[in-house]
Protein backbone atom coordinates (compact mmCIF):
# COMPACT_ATOMS: atom_id res chain seq x y z
CA MET A 1 11.51 68.42 -277.95
CA SER A 2 12.08 70.66 -280.97
CA PRO A 3 9.19 71.60 -283.29
CA SER A 4 10.65 69.40 -286.04
CA ALA A 5 10.93 66.49 -283.63
CA THR A 6 7.33 67.02 -282.52
CA GLY A 7 6.25 66.94 -286.15
CA LEU A 8 8.10 63.70 -286.80
CA VAL A 9 6.59 62.04 -283.73
CA LYS A 10 3.14 63.07 -284.98
CA LEU A 11 4.00 61.73 -288.43
CA MET A 12 5.05 58.36 -286.94
CA ARG A 13 1.81 58.22 -284.99
CA ASP A 14 -0.44 59.28 -287.88
CA HIS A 15 1.14 56.80 -290.31
CA ARG A 16 1.58 54.06 -287.71
CA LEU A 17 5.27 53.74 -288.43
CA ARG A 18 6.73 50.89 -286.38
CA VAL A 19 9.78 49.77 -288.34
CA PHE A 20 10.57 52.29 -291.05
CA ARG A 21 13.24 53.59 -293.37
CA THR A 22 14.78 57.01 -293.65
CA ALA A 23 13.35 57.05 -297.17
CA ASP A 24 9.83 56.70 -295.71
CA VAL A 25 10.31 59.85 -293.64
CA MET A 26 11.79 61.68 -296.62
CA THR A 27 8.67 60.88 -298.65
CA LEU A 28 6.05 61.48 -295.96
CA ALA A 29 7.63 64.64 -294.53
CA ARG A 30 9.02 65.89 -297.86
CA MET A 31 12.49 66.23 -296.39
CA SER A 32 15.88 65.99 -298.03
CA PRO A 33 18.07 62.96 -297.29
CA PHE A 34 20.33 65.09 -295.08
CA GLY A 35 17.43 66.75 -293.26
CA ALA A 36 15.63 63.47 -292.61
CA THR A 37 18.79 61.77 -291.37
CA GLN A 38 19.63 64.61 -288.99
CA ALA A 39 16.09 64.79 -287.65
CA LEU A 40 16.00 61.03 -287.05
CA ARG A 41 19.34 61.13 -285.30
CA ARG A 42 17.96 63.74 -282.92
CA LEU A 43 14.97 61.53 -282.15
CA ALA A 44 17.33 58.61 -281.55
CA ALA A 45 19.39 60.72 -279.13
CA GLN A 46 16.19 61.33 -277.17
CA GLY A 47 15.43 57.60 -277.06
CA LEU A 48 12.29 57.95 -279.18
CA ILE A 49 13.55 55.76 -282.01
CA THR A 50 16.35 53.22 -282.40
CA ARG A 51 18.56 52.72 -285.45
CA ILE A 52 18.85 49.00 -286.20
CA LYS A 53 20.91 49.33 -289.35
CA ARG A 54 21.77 52.02 -291.86
CA GLY A 55 18.59 53.78 -292.91
CA LEU A 56 16.33 51.54 -290.79
CA TRP A 57 14.65 52.59 -287.55
CA VAL A 58 12.29 51.30 -284.87
CA ASN A 59 9.67 53.47 -283.19
CA ARG A 60 10.49 53.21 -279.45
CA ILE A 61 7.42 55.16 -278.34
CA LEU A 62 5.44 51.98 -278.92
CA GLN A 63 4.83 49.76 -275.91
CA ASP A 64 4.02 46.60 -277.86
CA PHE A 65 6.89 46.37 -280.36
CA HIS A 66 8.12 42.80 -280.94
CA PRO A 67 11.59 42.15 -282.41
CA PHE A 68 10.03 39.69 -284.89
CA GLU A 69 8.52 42.71 -286.66
CA ALA A 70 11.99 43.72 -287.85
CA VAL A 71 12.65 40.49 -289.78
CA PRO A 72 11.11 41.44 -293.18
CA PHE A 73 12.88 44.80 -293.10
CA LEU A 74 16.27 43.28 -292.29
CA THR A 75 16.14 40.99 -295.34
CA ALA A 76 14.40 43.28 -297.86
CA PRO A 77 14.08 43.09 -300.80
CA TRP A 78 14.24 39.32 -300.21
CA PRO A 79 11.19 37.75 -298.52
CA SER A 80 11.60 36.18 -295.09
CA TYR A 81 9.68 34.86 -292.13
CA VAL A 82 10.30 33.86 -288.51
CA SER A 83 10.94 30.11 -288.34
CA LEU A 84 13.18 27.42 -286.83
CA TYR A 85 13.65 27.56 -283.05
CA SER A 86 11.85 30.91 -282.71
CA ALA A 87 8.63 29.74 -284.36
CA LEU A 88 8.73 26.39 -282.54
CA ALA A 89 9.12 28.17 -279.20
CA GLU A 90 6.33 30.60 -280.08
CA ALA A 91 4.01 27.63 -280.73
CA GLY A 92 5.08 25.85 -277.52
CA VAL A 93 6.53 22.90 -279.42
CA VAL A 94 9.91 23.22 -277.66
CA ASP A 95 10.67 24.36 -274.14
CA GLU A 96 13.68 26.52 -274.89
CA ILE A 97 12.97 30.21 -275.56
CA PRO A 98 15.85 31.38 -277.77
CA GLU A 99 17.31 34.80 -277.07
CA ILE A 100 18.15 34.99 -280.76
CA THR A 101 15.47 35.53 -283.40
CA TYR A 102 15.75 32.81 -286.04
CA ALA A 103 14.36 33.44 -289.50
CA VAL A 104 14.65 32.10 -293.03
CA SER A 105 14.95 34.06 -296.24
CA SER A 106 15.41 33.43 -299.93
CA GLY A 107 18.25 35.96 -299.72
CA ARG A 108 21.73 35.34 -298.40
CA PRO A 109 22.29 34.02 -294.87
CA ASP A 110 23.13 36.71 -292.37
CA GLN A 111 23.68 37.46 -288.70
CA GLN A 112 22.68 40.90 -287.45
CA ARG A 113 23.24 42.19 -283.93
CA THR A 114 21.04 45.21 -283.36
CA LEU A 115 19.82 47.30 -280.46
CA VAL A 116 16.45 45.50 -280.57
CA GLY A 117 17.84 41.97 -280.71
CA VAL A 118 20.12 39.48 -282.43
CA PHE A 119 18.89 37.94 -285.68
CA PHE A 120 20.18 34.76 -287.33
CA ILE A 121 18.82 34.53 -290.86
CA HIS A 122 19.25 31.26 -292.76
CA HIS A 123 18.85 30.75 -296.47
CA LEU A 124 16.06 28.65 -297.96
CA PRO A 125 15.52 28.15 -301.70
CA THR A 126 12.75 30.29 -303.12
CA ARG A 127 10.65 27.17 -303.79
CA LEU A 128 10.47 26.53 -300.02
CA MET A 129 9.31 30.01 -299.00
CA TRP A 130 5.77 29.07 -297.94
CA GLY A 131 3.96 27.70 -294.87
CA TYR A 132 3.75 30.94 -292.90
CA GLU A 133 1.22 33.66 -292.20
CA MET A 134 1.13 37.16 -290.79
CA LYS A 135 0.56 37.12 -287.03
CA MET A 136 -1.03 40.13 -285.37
CA VAL A 137 0.24 41.10 -281.91
CA GLY A 138 -1.28 44.34 -280.62
CA GLN A 139 -0.82 46.84 -283.42
CA GLY A 140 2.15 44.96 -284.84
CA ARG A 141 2.42 42.07 -287.27
CA TYR A 142 5.13 39.72 -288.46
CA PRO A 143 5.44 36.65 -290.74
CA LEU A 144 5.52 33.47 -288.65
CA ALA A 145 5.90 29.88 -289.84
CA ASP A 146 3.35 27.21 -288.98
CA PRO A 147 4.89 24.90 -286.34
CA GLU A 148 5.05 22.06 -288.87
CA LYS A 149 6.83 24.23 -291.45
CA ALA A 150 9.24 25.60 -288.83
CA PHE A 151 10.03 22.02 -287.79
CA LEU A 152 10.69 20.94 -291.37
CA ASP A 153 12.72 24.06 -292.14
CA LEU A 154 14.94 23.25 -289.16
CA VAL A 155 15.38 19.57 -290.03
CA TYR A 156 16.04 20.42 -293.69
CA LEU A 157 18.74 22.93 -292.77
CA ALA A 158 20.21 20.71 -290.04
CA LEU A 159 20.70 17.96 -292.65
CA VAL A 160 22.96 20.23 -294.71
CA PRO A 161 26.62 19.17 -294.25
CA ARG A 162 28.51 21.34 -291.72
CA SER A 163 25.27 23.08 -290.71
CA SER A 164 25.38 25.26 -287.60
CA LEU A 165 21.84 24.17 -286.74
CA GLY A 166 20.92 21.14 -284.66
CA PHE A 167 17.82 18.98 -284.80
CA PRO A 168 14.91 20.09 -282.61
CA HIS A 169 14.27 18.42 -279.24
CA LYS A 170 10.68 17.59 -278.41
CA ARG A 171 8.80 18.93 -275.43
CA GLY A 172 7.55 16.07 -273.27
CA SER A 173 7.12 12.52 -274.56
CA ARG A 174 5.74 13.37 -278.00
CA TRP A 175 5.84 16.06 -280.63
CA GLU A 176 2.90 18.47 -280.47
CA LEU A 177 2.58 18.61 -284.24
CA ASP A 178 -0.16 17.91 -286.76
CA LEU A 179 1.26 14.79 -288.42
CA VAL A 180 -1.09 15.00 -291.39
CA LYS A 181 0.04 18.55 -292.13
CA LEU A 182 3.65 17.57 -291.43
CA LYS A 183 3.50 14.82 -294.05
CA THR A 184 1.76 17.08 -296.59
CA TYR A 185 4.37 19.78 -296.09
CA ALA A 186 7.27 17.30 -296.13
CA LEU A 187 6.25 15.94 -299.52
CA ARG A 188 6.42 19.45 -300.95
CA PHE A 189 10.10 19.65 -299.95
CA ASN A 190 10.86 16.77 -302.35
CA TYR A 191 13.92 15.85 -300.26
CA PRO A 192 14.33 12.10 -299.52
CA ARG A 193 16.61 12.59 -296.49
CA LEU A 194 13.92 14.72 -294.84
CA LEU A 195 11.32 11.98 -295.34
CA GLU A 196 13.74 9.40 -293.93
CA PHE A 197 14.23 11.53 -290.81
CA LEU A 198 10.50 11.72 -290.22
CA LYS A 199 10.06 7.97 -290.64
CA GLU A 200 13.00 7.19 -288.34
CA ASN A 201 11.52 9.44 -285.66
CA ARG A 202 7.96 8.07 -286.01
CA LEU A 203 6.66 11.32 -287.46
CA TRP A 204 5.37 9.82 -290.69
CA LYS A 205 1.63 9.24 -290.65
CA GLY A 206 0.35 6.48 -292.90
């Protein structure tokens, strides 16, 4: 490993860079755009980092990196969080473990196939970007929807005409959801068809 590569590895470790931009390295290492790009390409050739899109990298030295960590970086500057099938599977609400990472964002919908995973990003209006929190896994963190919000996000988007998303299928004989929270969240959507779906499927409490 070259001296410059050794310095960059130390920089990634010292600043705990997990998913980072070329611009971050330029600032922290005081390198030119060309110098930073070339140095990062050399690290990538050695398998120490992975480029997931132009100017965006993942630290591959880490043993506990989770693809969900990439979601906010893939949609920046628009906010986003892991939701839909991915969040429901994470919470054990559905049996299927999707190979694709599903997320929602107030930005445009997108599909990104990267070396760390495939990401399907669906658009939600800015007024519906709530109901999630940062989850810590090892040294990493990522925004993850509450199961109830992920469920409602999925139903809301599945109700859109010609949607590519299908309604969720429950695990076992009943939904493992907090029906009080589900109702509270559903009312915030202010979408009659969503409320009708919940009532038709006996998910409306009270």
